[in-house]
Amino acid sequence: MSDASNGIAAAWHLLEITGIVQSVLCALFGVYILLFVVALWANHGRRTVSSRRLRIVTILLFVDLCAHFIARSLQFARARIMNPDPNEFFKWSIPLVVIGNVTTTFAGLCSDGLLAWRFYVIFDQQRWALYVPMTFVVINALLCWSADAQHLAAYTHYDFYENTLLEVTLKITVAWGWLMFAINTILTGAIIGKIFYIARLSGHLNVYETVLRASVESAFVTWIGLLLYEICSLAPNGHVVTNYDVGYVMACVLPVFFGISQCLIVVRVAIANELNQSRGSGTRVTGSSRTIAFAIPSFLHSDHDKVASDYVERSEEHTLAVLPRSRPSPSPEPSAQEQV
């Protein structure tokens, strides 16, 4: 009788946690869908190579998050079954866990990769600013994918998986989260500091506008999601992120923060470019002439800083396009005859 009661209690607990995951995931995913549509509109009509690359990344991340959402939804649906099949664990649980974890890692890779690229652009395209962050980003993704693959060992060595591998995979997942949090903290802080530094030198420091643009440009939304995830991982049993506790809830909804941050950046830069070009020309801007960028916002440019001077009189370039490193050549001085 006690075994049956414990089984019912465990089933209700699983249903409760998966229900919370589904509710939070639906709310965040709805916000992400709206931003994704706006991001596609912002990038529509641009035929440059860099624009196509950004569209591909945006769509790939959307497909990845859709697969993640479907996997978590199926987990909630399967948890509602009071009398599951004896093969439920191998037929549904393991595949859904693997899909959910793999999509989470891929979303983190896309998010951190774009953050590293913005760091590279803002820091004057120094080689170290690209290779050092990207090395840690790729290593972190491979680390977590190795943990995701270990779940498949349940099909061949179930006892070894249950007693040894499962705990190892959980510890690797925790290490992945902390390393990603450290990477985002360093890159986000450096980008925000650089933007404020250039704004102060340029003499155009508008605190509210600078804070807003720096927050979007530095993927601050992603950092907030990672901070919540790490706080939840420190809760009782939170370090076991698949133990159906608060840490598990945050692990399931964390990838949506990656997608929201990426869409916010595309929308912010597109709107800024539209306004800047419309004010500069006084005419309606056509779709083919618009550009999108993850460069330093135009209002932060300053002749007092080398980085800023490389961007003066330039429209913002696309995030996947490399900005030219050479400075624009100064216009020739008019001759005395022309002055007359």
C-alpha atoms as a PDB file:
ATOM      1  CA  MET A   1       0.000   0.000   0.000  1.00  0.00           C
ATOM      2  CA  SER A   2       2.839   2.358   0.852  1.00  0.00           C
ATOM      3  CA  ASP A   3       4.532   1.654  -2.494  1.00  0.00           C
ATOM      4  CA  ALA A   4       1.326   2.518  -4.339  1.00  0.00           C
ATOM      5  CA  SER A   5       0.941   5.732  -2.327  1.00  0.00           C
ATOM      6  CA  ASN A   6       4.523   6.709  -3.047  1.00  0.00           C
ATOM      7  CA  GLY A   7       4.000   6.039  -6.738  1.00  0.00           C
ATOM      8  CA  ILE A   8       0.885   8.205  -6.844  1.00  0.00           C
ATOM      9  CA  ALA A   9       2.665  11.002  -4.954  1.00  0.00           C
ATOM     10  CA  ALA A  10       5.608  10.867  -7.345  1.00  0.00           C
ATOM     11  CA  ALA A  11       3.259  10.937 -10.357  1.00  0.00           C
ATOM     12  CA  TRP A  12       1.416  13.985  -8.994  1.00  0.00           C
ATOM     13  CA  HIS A  13       4.702  15.734  -8.265  1.00  0.00           C
ATOM     14  CA  LEU A  14       5.898  15.079 -11.816  1.00  0.00           C
ATOM     15  CA  LEU A  15       2.611  16.391 -13.215  1.00  0.00           C
ATOM     16  CA  GLU A  16       2.816  19.507 -11.043  1.00  0.00           C
ATOM     17  CA  ILE A  17       6.369  20.372 -12.074  1.00  0.00           C
ATOM     18  CA  THR A  18       5.775  19.704 -15.781  1.00  0.00           C
ATOM     19  CA  GLY A  19       2.607  21.812 -15.547  1.00  0.00           C
ATOM     20  CA  ILE A  20       4.605  24.725 -14.133  1.00  0.00           C
ATOM     21  CA  VAL A  21       7.185  24.283 -16.885  1.00  0.00           C
ATOM     22  CA  GLN A  22       4.479  24.275 -19.537  1.00  0.00           C
ATOM     23  CA  SER A  23       2.782  27.405 -18.157  1.00  0.00           C
ATOM     24  CA  VAL A  24       5.982  29.453 -17.949  1.00  0.00           C
ATOM     25  CA  LEU A  25       7.207  28.120 -21.275  1.00  0.00           C
ATOM     26  CA  CYS A  26       3.941  29.051 -23.033  1.00  0.00           C
ATOM     27  CA  ALA A  27       4.094  32.618 -21.697  1.00  0.00           C
ATOM     28  CA  LEU A  28       7.727  33.162 -22.703  1.00  0.00           C
ATOM     29  CA  PHE A  29       7.321  31.362 -26.022  1.00  0.00           C
ATOM     30  CA  GLY A  30       4.372  33.612 -26.900  1.00  0.00           C
ATOM     31  CA  VAL A  31       6.550  36.685 -26.348  1.00  0.00           C
ATOM     32  CA  TYR A  32       9.305  35.093 -28.423  1.00  0.00           C
ATOM     33  CA  ILE A  33       6.933  34.353 -31.323  1.00  0.00           C
ATOM     34  CA  LEU A  34       5.880  38.016 -31.499  1.00  0.00           C
ATOM     35  CA  LEU A  35       9.488  39.209 -31.440  1.00  0.00           C
ATOM     36  CA  PHE A  36      10.462  36.600 -34.042  1.00  0.00           C
ATOM     37  CA  VAL A  37       7.831  37.926 -36.465  1.00  0.00           C
ATOM     38  CA  VAL A  38       9.026  41.494 -35.909  1.00  0.00           C
ATOM     39  CA  ALA A  39      12.650  40.399 -36.391  1.00  0.00           C
ATOM     40  CA  LEU A  40      11.799  38.745 -39.716  1.00  0.00           C
ATOM     41  CA  TRP A  41      10.044  41.907 -40.821  1.00  0.00           C
ATOM     42  CA  ALA A  42      13.044  44.000 -39.776  1.00  0.00           C
ATOM     43  CA  ASN A  43      15.353  41.831 -41.895  1.00  0.00           C
ATOM     44  CA  HIS A  44      12.960  41.506 -44.844  1.00  0.00           C
ATOM     45  CA  GLY A  45      14.063  42.839 -48.205  1.00  0.00           C
ATOM     46  CA  ARG A  46      17.780  42.874 -47.482  1.00  0.00           C
ATOM     47  CA  ARG A  47      19.736  40.946 -50.085  1.00  0.00           C
ATOM     48  CA  THR A  48      23.273  41.199 -48.763  1.00  0.00           C
ATOM     49  CA  VAL A  49      25.198  38.088 -47.783  1.00  0.00           C
ATOM     50  CA  SER A  50      25.311  39.137 -44.159  1.00  0.00           C
ATOM     51  CA  SER A  51      21.544  39.692 -44.091  1.00  0.00           C
ATOM     52  CA  ARG A  52      20.926  36.205 -45.434  1.00  0.00           C
ATOM     53  CA  ARG A  53      23.249  34.770 -42.797  1.00  0.00           C
ATOM     54  CA  LEU A  54      21.371  36.508 -40.020  1.00  0.00           C
ATOM     55  CA  ARG A  55      18.053  35.285 -41.417  1.00  0.00           C
ATOM     56  CA  ILE A  56      19.399  31.735 -41.436  1.00  0.00           C
ATOM     57  CA  VAL A  57      20.578  32.021 -37.826  1.00  0.00           C
ATOM     58  CA  THR A  58      17.256  33.532 -36.739  1.00  0.00           C
ATOM     59  CA  ILE A  59      15.223  30.806 -38.453  1.00  0.00           C
ATOM     60  CA  LEU A  60      17.491  27.999 -37.199  1.00  0.00           C
ATOM     61  CA  LEU A  61      17.119  29.270 -33.645  1.00  0.00           C
ATOM     62  CA  PHE A  62      13.353  29.462 -34.120  1.00  0.00           C
ATOM     63  CA  VAL A  63      13.177  25.861 -35.378  1.00  0.00           C
ATOM     64  CA  ASP A  64      15.374  24.749 -32.482  1.00  0.00           C
ATOM     65  CA  LEU A  65      13.152  26.472 -29.902  1.00  0.00           C
ATOM     66  CA  CYS A  66      10.028  25.025 -31.549  1.00  0.00           C
ATOM     67  CA  ALA A  67      11.491  21.533 -31.171  1.00  0.00           C
ATOM     68  CA  HIS A  68      12.328  22.355 -27.555  1.00  0.00           C
ATOM     69  CA  PHE A  69       8.795  23.576 -26.911  1.00  0.00           C
ATOM     70  CA  ILE A  70       7.258  20.468 -28.485  1.00  0.00           C
ATOM     71  CA  ALA A  71       9.501  18.157 -26.439  1.00  0.00           C
ATOM     72  CA  ARG A  72       8.570  19.849 -23.157  1.00  0.00           C
ATOM     73  CA  SER A  73       4.890  19.844 -24.140  1.00  0.00           C
ATOM     74  CA  LEU A  74       5.016  16.107 -24.823  1.00  0.00           C
ATOM     75  CA  GLN A  75       6.660  15.577 -21.440  1.00  0.00           C
ATOM     76  CA  PHE A  76       3.724  17.381 -19.824  1.00  0.00           C
ATOM     77  CA  ALA A  77       1.241  15.339 -21.858  1.00  0.00           C
ATOM     78  CA  ARG A  78       2.910  12.020 -20.951  1.00  0.00           C
ATOM     79  CA  ALA A  79       3.008  13.000 -17.269  1.00  0.00           C
ATOM     80  CA  ARG A  80      -0.805  13.178 -17.277  1.00  0.00           C
ATOM     81  CA  ILE A  81      -1.054   9.447 -17.972  1.00  0.00           C
ATOM     82  CA  MET A  82      -1.914   7.737 -14.697  1.00  0.00           C
ATOM     83  CA  ASN A  83      -1.139   4.202 -15.910  1.00  0.00           C
ATOM     84  CA  PRO A  84       1.853   4.510 -18.236  1.00  0.00           C
ATOM     85  CA  ASP A  85       3.142   1.688 -20.380  1.00  0.00           C
ATOM     86  CA  PRO A  86       5.994  -0.390 -18.859  1.00  0.00           C
ATOM     87  CA  ASN A  87       8.233   0.808 -21.694  1.00  0.00           C
ATOM     88  CA  GLU A  88       7.322   4.453 -21.144  1.00  0.00           C
ATOM     89  CA  PHE A  89      10.815   5.339 -19.935  1.00  0.00           C
ATOM     90  CA  PHE A  90      12.594   3.975 -23.009  1.00  0.00           C
ATOM     91  CA  LYS A  91       9.924   4.867 -25.551  1.00  0.00           C
ATOM     92  CA  TRP A  92       9.194   8.444 -24.484  1.00  0.00           C
ATOM     93  CA  SER A  93      11.160   9.725 -21.473  1.00  0.00           C
ATOM     94  CA  ILE A  94      14.721   9.250 -22.757  1.00  0.00           C
ATOM     95  CA  PRO A  95      14.060  10.604 -26.301  1.00  0.00           C
ATOM     96  CA  LEU A  96      12.237  13.661 -24.952  1.00  0.00           C
ATOM     97  CA  VAL A  97      14.975  14.361 -22.414  1.00  0.00           C
ATOM     98  CA  VAL A  98      17.664  14.088 -25.101  1.00  0.00           C
ATOM     99  CA  ILE A  99      15.761  16.365 -27.505  1.00  0.00           C
ATOM    100  CA  GLY A 100      15.120  18.930 -24.786  1.00  0.00           C
ATOM    101  CA  ASN A 101      18.757  18.958 -23.686  1.00  0.00           C
ATOM    102  CA  VAL A 102      20.244  19.024 -27.191  1.00  0.00           C
ATOM    103  CA  THR A 103      18.005  21.933 -28.261  1.00  0.00           C
ATOM    104  CA  THR A 104      18.928  23.812 -25.083  1.00  0.00           C
ATOM    105  CA  THR A 105      22.640  23.408 -25.829  1.00  0.00           C
ATOM    106  CA  PHE A 106      22.220  24.483 -29.456  1.00  0.00           C
ATOM    107  CA  ALA A 107      20.260  27.588 -28.440  1.00  0.00           C
ATOM    108  CA  GLY A 108      23.016  28.454 -25.965  1.00  0.00           C
ATOM    109  CA  LEU A 109      25.644  27.985 -28.679  1.00  0.00           C
ATOM    110  CA  CYS A 110      23.806  30.368 -31.050  1.00  0.00           C
ATOM    111  CA  SER A 111      23.289  32.946 -28.308  1.00  0.00           C
ATOM    112  CA  ASP A 112      26.876  32.885 -27.054  1.00  0.00           C
ATOM    113  CA  GLY A 113      28.252  32.841 -30.600  1.00  0.00           C
ATOM    114  CA  LEU A 114      26.368  36.013 -31.547  1.00  0.00           C
ATOM    115  CA  LEU A 115      27.405  37.626 -28.259  1.00  0.00           C
ATOM    116  CA  ALA A 116      31.057  36.806 -28.999  1.00  0.00           C
ATOM    117  CA  TRP A 117      30.701  38.312 -32.489  1.00  0.00           C
ATOM    118  CA  ARG A 118      29.261  41.558 -31.100  1.00  0.00           C
ATOM    119  CA  PHE A 119      32.139  41.637 -28.623  1.00  0.00           C
ATOM    120  CA  TYR A 120      34.539  41.248 -31.564  1.00  0.00           C
ATOM    121  CA  VAL A 121      32.910  44.071 -33.566  1.00  0.00           C
ATOM    122  CA  ILE A 122      32.724  46.528 -30.674  1.00  0.00           C
ATOM    123  CA  PHE A 123      36.339  45.875 -29.667  1.00  0.00           C
ATOM    124  CA  ASP A 124      37.701  46.985 -33.059  1.00  0.00           C
ATOM    125  CA  GLN A 125      37.843  43.495 -34.605  1.00  0.00           C
ATOM    126  CA  GLN A 126      40.918  42.444 -32.679  1.00  0.00           C
ATOM    127  CA  ARG A 127      41.654  38.784 -33.333  1.00  0.00           C
ATOM    128  CA  TRP A 128      41.834  37.919 -29.662  1.00  0.00           C
ATOM    129  CA  ALA A 129      38.338  39.397 -29.200  1.00  0.00           C
ATOM    130  CA  LEU A 130      36.966  36.732 -31.548  1.00  0.00           C
ATOM    131  CA  TYR A 131      39.079  33.627 -30.982  1.00  0.00           C
ATOM    132  CA  VAL A 132      39.288  33.676 -27.181  1.00  0.00           C
ATOM    133  CA  PRO A 133      35.517  33.948 -26.497  1.00  0.00           C
ATOM    134  CA  MET A 134      34.591  31.575 -29.327  1.00  0.00           C
ATOM    135  CA  THR A 135      37.013  28.947 -28.016  1.00  0.00           C
ATOM    136  CA  PHE A 136      35.269  28.888 -24.641  1.00  0.00           C
ATOM    137  CA  VAL A 137      31.823  28.976 -26.277  1.00  0.00           C
ATOM    138  CA  VAL A 138      32.544  25.940 -28.469  1.00  0.00           C
ATOM    139  CA  ILE A 139      34.204  24.000 -25.627  1.00  0.00           C
ATOM    140  CA  ASN A 140      31.192  24.674 -23.396  1.00  0.00           C
ATOM    141  CA  ALA A 141      28.760  23.476 -26.074  1.00  0.00           C
ATOM    142  CA  LEU A 142      30.734  20.275 -26.713  1.00  0.00           C
ATOM    143  CA  LEU A 143      30.900  19.668 -22.968  1.00  0.00           C
ATOM    144  CA  CYS A 144      27.128  19.789 -22.617  1.00  0.00           C
ATOM    145  CA  TRP A 145      26.491  17.749 -25.768  1.00  0.00           C
ATOM    146  CA  SER A 146      28.702  15.016 -24.341  1.00  0.00           C
ATOM    147  CA  ALA A 147      26.439  14.922 -21.283  1.00  0.00           C
ATOM    148  CA  ASP A 148      23.325  14.845 -23.480  1.00  0.00           C
ATOM    149  CA  ALA A 149      24.646  11.838 -25.408  1.00  0.00           C
ATOM    150  CA  GLN A 150      25.234   9.885 -22.211  1.00  0.00           C
ATOM    151  CA  HIS A 151      21.479   9.577 -21.684  1.00  0.00           C
ATOM    152  CA  LEU A 152      21.388   7.179 -24.626  1.00  0.00           C
ATOM    153  CA  ALA A 153      23.405   4.703 -22.560  1.00  0.00           C
ATOM    154  CA  ALA A 154      20.162   3.854 -20.750  1.00  0.00           C
ATOM    155  CA  TYR A 155      19.178   1.645 -23.703  1.00  0.00           C
ATOM    156  CA  THR A 156      22.230  -0.599 -23.418  1.00  0.00           C
ATOM    157  CA  HIS A 157      23.504  -0.238 -19.838  1.00  0.00           C
ATOM    158  CA  TYR A 158      20.524   0.793 -17.762  1.00  0.00           C
ATOM    159  CA  ASP A 159      21.971  -0.096 -14.352  1.00  0.00           C
ATOM    160  CA  PHE A 160      25.233   1.701 -15.071  1.00  0.00           C
ATOM    161  CA  TYR A 161      23.266   4.703 -16.351  1.00  0.00           C
ATOM    162  CA  GLU A 162      20.967   4.820 -13.328  1.00  0.00           C
ATOM    163  CA  ASN A 163      23.716   4.402 -10.742  1.00  0.00           C
ATOM    164  CA  THR A 164      26.638   6.289 -12.281  1.00  0.00           C
ATOM    165  CA  LEU A 165      26.094   8.080 -15.575  1.00  0.00           C
ATOM    166  CA  LEU A 166      22.972   9.982 -14.549  1.00  0.00           C
ATOM    167  CA  GLU A 167      24.770  11.751 -11.715  1.00  0.00           C
ATOM    168  CA  VAL A 168      27.712  12.508 -14.000  1.00  0.00           C
ATOM    169  CA  THR A 169      25.467  14.042 -16.651  1.00  0.00           C
ATOM    170  CA  LEU A 170      23.775  16.220 -14.029  1.00  0.00           C
ATOM    171  CA  LYS A 171      27.123  17.527 -12.784  1.00  0.00           C
ATOM    172  CA  ILE A 172      28.261  18.255 -16.348  1.00  0.00           C
ATOM    173  CA  THR A 173      25.015  20.148 -16.975  1.00  0.00           C
ATOM    174  CA  VAL A 174      25.612  22.243 -13.858  1.00  0.00           C
ATOM    175  CA  ALA A 175      29.183  22.966 -15.026  1.00  0.00           C
ATOM    176  CA  TRP A 176      27.819  24.004 -18.452  1.00  0.00           C
ATOM    177  CA  GLY A 177      25.427  26.465 -16.812  1.00  0.00           C
ATOM    178  CA  TRP A 178      28.082  28.059 -14.615  1.00  0.00           C
ATOM    179  CA  LEU A 179      30.592  28.334 -17.468  1.00  0.00           C
ATOM    180  CA  MET A 180      27.968  29.927 -19.720  1.00  0.00           C
ATOM    181  CA  PHE A 181      27.077  32.335 -16.919  1.00  0.00           C
ATOM    182  CA  ALA A 182      30.752  33.284 -16.543  1.00  0.00           C
ATOM    183  CA  ILE A 183      31.173  33.799 -20.318  1.00  0.00           C
ATOM    184  CA  ASN A 184      28.062  35.979 -20.542  1.00  0.00           C
ATOM    185  CA  THR A 185      29.020  37.970 -17.449  1.00  0.00           C
ATOM    186  CA  ILE A 186      32.450  38.854 -18.870  1.00  0.00           C
ATOM    187  CA  LEU A 187      31.302  39.626 -22.428  1.00  0.00           C
ATOM    188  CA  THR A 188      28.122  41.457 -21.405  1.00  0.00           C
ATOM    189  CA  GLY A 189      29.980  43.550 -18.841  1.00  0.00           C
ATOM    190  CA  ALA A 190      32.740  44.392 -21.326  1.00  0.00           C
ATOM    191  CA  ILE A 191      30.260  45.454 -24.024  1.00  0.00           C
ATOM    192  CA  ILE A 192      28.266  47.632 -21.615  1.00  0.00           C
ATOM    193  CA  GLY A 193      31.449  49.205 -20.259  1.00  0.00           C
ATOM    194  CA  LYS A 194      32.754  49.937 -23.768  1.00  0.00           C
ATOM    195  CA  ILE A 195      29.498  51.574 -24.854  1.00  0.00           C
ATOM    196  CA  PHE A 196      29.364  53.797 -21.761  1.00  0.00           C
ATOM    197  CA  TYR A 197      33.054  54.680 -22.165  1.00  0.00           C
ATOM    198  CA  ILE A 198      32.593  55.834 -25.768  1.00  0.00           C
ATOM    199  CA  ALA A 199      29.377  57.670 -24.899  1.00  0.00           C
ATOM    200  CA  ARG A 200      31.161  59.590 -22.152  1.00  0.00           C
ATOM    201  CA  LEU A 201      34.038  60.541 -24.469  1.00  0.00           C
ATOM    202  CA  SER A 202      31.690  61.654 -27.230  1.00  0.00           C
ATOM    203  CA  GLY A 203      29.861  64.053 -24.923  1.00  0.00           C
ATOM    204  CA  HIS A 204      26.460  62.658 -25.979  1.00  0.00           C
ATOM    205  CA  LEU A 205      25.771  60.642 -22.834  1.00  0.00           C
ATOM    206  CA  ASN A 206      22.007  60.298 -22.440  1.00  0.00           C
ATOM    207  CA  VAL A 207      21.737  57.976 -19.457  1.00  0.00           C
ATOM    208  CA  TYR A 208      18.352  56.432 -20.230  1.00  0.00           C
ATOM    209  CA  GLU A 209      19.001  55.970 -23.948  1.00  0.00           C
ATOM    210  CA  THR A 210      22.490  54.617 -23.326  1.00  0.00           C
ATOM    211  CA  VAL A 211      21.269  52.143 -20.705  1.00  0.00           C
ATOM    212  CA  LEU A 212      18.511  50.911 -23.028  1.00  0.00           C
ATOM    213  CA  ARG A 213      20.779  50.446 -26.022  1.00  0.00           C
ATOM    214  CA  ALA A 214      23.614  48.923 -24.019  1.00  0.00           C
ATOM    215  CA  SER A 215      21.202  46.444 -22.394  1.00  0.00           C
ATOM    216  CA  VAL A 216      19.888  45.256 -25.750  1.00  0.00           C
ATOM    217  CA  GLU A 217      23.274  45.283 -27.518  1.00  0.00           C
ATOM    218  CA  SER A 218      24.939  43.254 -24.750  1.00  0.00           C
ATOM    219  CA  ALA A 219      22.218  40.555 -24.579  1.00  0.00           C
ATOM    220  CA  PHE A 220      21.379  41.556 -21.011  1.00  0.00           C
ATOM    221  CA  VAL A 221      18.145  39.529 -21.204  1.00  0.00           C
ATOM    222  CA  THR A 222      20.191  36.364 -21.643  1.00  0.00           C
ATOM    223  CA  TRP A 223      22.317  37.265 -18.629  1.00  0.00           C
ATOM    224  CA  ILE A 224      19.176  37.750 -16.509  1.00  0.00           C
ATOM    225  CA  GLY A 225      17.900  34.312 -17.558  1.00  0.00           C
ATOM    226  CA  LEU A 226      21.233  32.702 -16.703  1.00  0.00           C
ATOM    227  CA  LEU A 227      21.306  34.497 -13.341  1.00  0.00           C
ATOM    228  CA  LEU A 228      17.861  33.123 -12.462  1.00  0.00           C
ATOM    229  CA  TYR A 229      18.956  29.664 -13.577  1.00  0.00           C
ATOM    230  CA  GLU A 230      22.049  29.737 -11.363  1.00  0.00           C
ATOM    231  CA  ILE A 231      20.073  31.028  -8.371  1.00  0.00           C
ATOM    232  CA  CYS A 232      17.573  28.199  -8.818  1.00  0.00           C
ATOM    233  CA  SER A 233      20.397  25.684  -9.143  1.00  0.00           C
ATOM    234  CA  LEU A 234      21.499  26.634  -5.632  1.00  0.00           C
ATOM    235  CA  ALA A 235      18.074  25.898  -4.143  1.00  0.00           C
ATOM    236  CA  PRO A 236      17.479  22.645  -2.182  1.00  0.00           C
ATOM    237  CA  ASN A 237      18.007  19.844  -4.699  1.00  0.00           C
ATOM    238  CA  GLY A 238      18.423  22.583  -7.264  1.00  0.00           C
ATOM    239  CA  HIS A 239      21.830  21.300  -8.295  1.00  0.00           C
ATOM    240  CA  VAL A 240      20.045  18.235  -9.701  1.00  0.00           C
ATOM    241  CA  VAL A 241      18.400  20.022 -12.577  1.00  0.00           C
ATOM    242  CA  THR A 242      16.427  16.967 -13.719  1.00  0.00           C
ATOM    243  CA  ASN A 243      15.037  16.154 -10.274  1.00  0.00           C
ATOM    244  CA  TYR A 244      11.799  18.004 -11.126  1.00  0.00           C
ATOM    245  CA  ASP A 245      12.465  20.981  -8.874  1.00  0.00           C
ATOM    246  CA  VAL A 246      12.870  24.711  -9.384  1.00  0.00           C
ATOM    247  CA  GLY A 247      16.238  24.174 -11.073  1.00  0.00           C
ATOM    248  CA  TYR A 248      14.589  21.872 -13.592  1.00  0.00           C
ATOM    249  CA  VAL A 249      11.932  24.507 -14.333  1.00  0.00           C
ATOM    250  CA  MET A 250      14.561  27.138 -15.148  1.00  0.00           C
ATOM    251  CA  ALA A 251      16.580  24.672 -17.239  1.00  0.00           C
ATOM    252  CA  CYS A 252      13.498  24.060 -19.389  1.00  0.00           C
ATOM    253  CA  VAL A 253      12.607  27.725 -19.976  1.00  0.00           C
ATOM    254  CA  LEU A 254      16.164  29.097 -20.262  1.00  0.00           C
ATOM    255  CA  PRO A 255      16.502  28.608 -24.068  1.00  0.00           C
ATOM    256  CA  VAL A 256      13.597  30.985 -24.698  1.00  0.00           C
ATOM    257  CA  PHE A 257      15.615  33.781 -23.076  1.00  0.00           C
ATOM    258  CA  PHE A 258      18.275  33.157 -25.736  1.00  0.00           C
ATOM    259  CA  GLY A 259      15.749  33.601 -28.534  1.00  0.00           C
ATOM    260  CA  ILE A 260      14.154  36.708 -27.007  1.00  0.00           C
ATOM    261  CA  SER A 261      17.529  38.422 -26.638  1.00  0.00           C
ATOM    262  CA  GLN A 262      18.533  37.657 -30.224  1.00  0.00           C
ATOM    263  CA  CYS A 263      15.266  39.051 -31.620  1.00  0.00           C
ATOM    264  CA  LEU A 264      15.494  42.185 -29.477  1.00  0.00           C
ATOM    265  CA  ILE A 265      18.902  42.994 -30.926  1.00  0.00           C
ATOM    266  CA  VAL A 266      17.712  42.627 -34.527  1.00  0.00           C
ATOM    267  CA  VAL A 267      14.618  44.764 -33.894  1.00  0.00           C
ATOM    268  CA  ARG A 268      16.535  47.466 -31.995  1.00  0.00           C
ATOM    269  CA  VAL A 269      19.146  47.933 -34.682  1.00  0.00           C
ATOM    270  CA  ALA A 270      16.630  47.851 -37.526  1.00  0.00           C
ATOM    271  CA  ILE A 271      14.515  50.573 -35.913  1.00  0.00           C
ATOM    272  CA  ALA A 272      17.596  52.677 -35.134  1.00  0.00           C
ATOM    273  CA  ASN A 273      18.831  52.440 -38.725  1.00  0.00           C
ATOM    274  CA  GLU A 274      15.415  53.316 -40.138  1.00  0.00           C
ATOM    275  CA  LEU A 275      15.203  56.439 -37.961  1.00  0.00           C
ATOM    276  CA  ASN A 276      18.786  57.515 -38.640  1.00  0.00           C
ATOM    277  CA  GLN A 277      18.527  57.093 -42.404  1.00  0.00           C
ATOM    278  CA  SER A 278      15.111  58.743 -42.568  1.00  0.00           C
ATOM    279  CA  ARG A 279      16.373  61.762 -40.628  1.00  0.00           C
ATOM    280  CA  GLY A 280      19.540  62.001 -42.685  1.00  0.00           C
ATOM    281  CA  SER A 281      17.928  61.802 -46.122  1.00  0.00           C
ATOM    282  CA  GLY A 282      14.491  63.214 -45.390  1.00  0.00           C
ATOM    283  CA  THR A 283      13.023  60.648 -47.776  1.00  0.00           C
ATOM    284  CA  ARG A 284      11.432  57.280 -47.476  1.00  0.00           C
ATOM    285  CA  VAL A 285      13.990  54.497 -47.112  1.00  0.00           C
ATOM    286  CA  THR A 286      13.600  51.540 -49.415  1.00  0.00           C
ATOM    287  CA  GLY A 287      14.020  47.969 -48.243  1.00  0.00           C
ATOM    288  CA  SER A 288      17.067  47.309 -50.399  1.00  0.00           C
ATOM    289  CA  SER A 289      19.016  50.209 -48.867  1.00  0.00           C
ATOM    290  CA  ARG A 290      18.411  49.288 -45.235  1.00  0.00           C
ATOM    291  CA  THR A 291      21.099  47.685 -43.132  1.00  0.00           C
ATOM    292  CA  ILE A 292      21.189  45.855 -39.819  1.00  0.00           C
ATOM    293  CA  ALA A 293      24.087  45.877 -37.399  1.00  0.00           C
ATOM    294  CA  PHE A 294      25.518  44.830 -34.114  1.00  0.00           C
ATOM    295  CA  ALA A 295      28.071  47.643 -34.286  1.00  0.00           C
ATOM    296  CA  ILE A 296      28.371  50.435 -31.754  1.00  0.00           C
ATOM    297  CA  PRO A 297      25.241  52.644 -31.969  1.00  0.00           C
ATOM    298  CA  SER A 298      25.816  55.687 -34.151  1.00  0.00           C
ATOM    299  CA  PHE A 299      25.151  58.178 -31.375  1.00  0.00           C
ATOM    300  CA  LEU A 300      28.159  56.805 -29.471  1.00  0.00           C
ATOM    301  CA  HIS A 301      30.731  57.664 -32.133  1.00  0.00           C
ATOM    302  CA  SER A 302      33.587  59.930 -31.082  1.00  0.00           C
ATOM    303  CA  ASP A 303      36.731  61.239 -32.763  1.00  0.00           C
ATOM    304  CA  HIS A 304      38.519  60.870 -29.416  1.00  0.00           C
ATOM    305  CA  ASP A 305      38.501  57.079 -29.583  1.00  0.00           C
ATOM    306  CA  LYS A 306      40.071  54.838 -32.222  1.00  0.00           C
ATOM    307  CA  VAL A 307      37.151  52.446 -32.229  1.00  0.00           C
ATOM    308  CA  ALA A 308      34.628  55.198 -32.611  1.00  0.00           C
ATOM    309  CA  SER A 309      36.599  56.923 -35.360  1.00  0.00           C
ATOM    310  CA  ASP A 310      36.505  53.737 -37.423  1.00  0.00           C
ATOM    311  CA  TYR A 311      32.719  53.962 -37.455  1.00  0.00           C
ATOM    312  CA  VAL A 312      32.239  57.694 -38.087  1.00  0.00           C
ATOM    313  CA  GLU A 313      30.129  58.456 -41.145  1.00  0.00           C
ATOM    314  CA  ARG A 314      29.296  54.754 -41.577  1.00  0.00           C
ATOM    315  CA  SER A 315      25.953  53.074 -41.502  1.00  0.00           C
ATOM    316  CA  GLU A 316      25.787  50.178 -39.085  1.00  0.00           C
ATOM    317  CA  GLU A 317      26.895  46.907 -40.604  1.00  0.00           C
ATOM    318  CA  HIS A 318      25.240  43.550 -40.201  1.00  0.00           C
ATOM    319  CA  THR A 319      26.243  41.364 -37.289  1.00  0.00           C
ATOM    320  CA  LEU A 320      27.614  38.673 -39.570  1.00  0.00           C
ATOM    321  CA  ALA A 321      29.484  41.108 -41.781  1.00  0.00           C
ATOM    322  CA  VAL A 322      33.052  42.151 -41.058  1.00  0.00           C
ATOM    323  CA  LEU A 323      33.542  45.879 -40.806  1.00  0.00           C
ATOM    324  CA  PRO A 324      36.500  47.292 -42.770  1.00  0.00           C
ATOM    325  CA  ARG A 325      39.476  47.927 -40.526  1.00  0.00           C
ATOM    326  CA  SER A 326      40.883  50.863 -42.504  1.00  0.00           C
ATOM    327  CA  ARG A 327      39.756  54.358 -41.712  1.00  0.00           C
ATOM    328  CA  PRO A 328      37.884  56.346 -44.351  1.00  0.00           C
ATOM    329  CA  SER A 329      40.285  58.553 -46.267  1.00  0.00           C
ATOM    330  CA  PRO A 330      39.781  62.264 -45.585  1.00  0.00           C
ATOM    331  CA  SER A 331      38.276  64.325 -48.377  1.00  0.00           C
ATOM    332  CA  PRO A 332      40.820  66.490 -50.231  1.00  0.00           C
ATOM    333  CA  GLU A 333      41.068  70.143 -49.284  1.00  0.00           C
ATOM    334  CA  PRO A 334      39.490  72.478 -51.873  1.00  0.00           C
ATOM    335  CA  SER A 335      41.945  74.421 -53.938  1.00  0.00           C
ATOM    336  CA  ALA A 336      42.251  78.188 -53.702  1.00  0.00           C
ATOM    337  CA  GLN A 337      40.582  78.595 -57.088  1.00  0.00           C
ATOM    338  CA  GLU A 338      37.633  76.484 -55.954  1.00  0.00           C
ATOM    339  CA  GLN A 339      37.344  78.503 -52.753  1.00  0.00           C
ATOM    340  CA  VAL A 340      37.078  81.673 -54.772  1.00  0.00           C
END
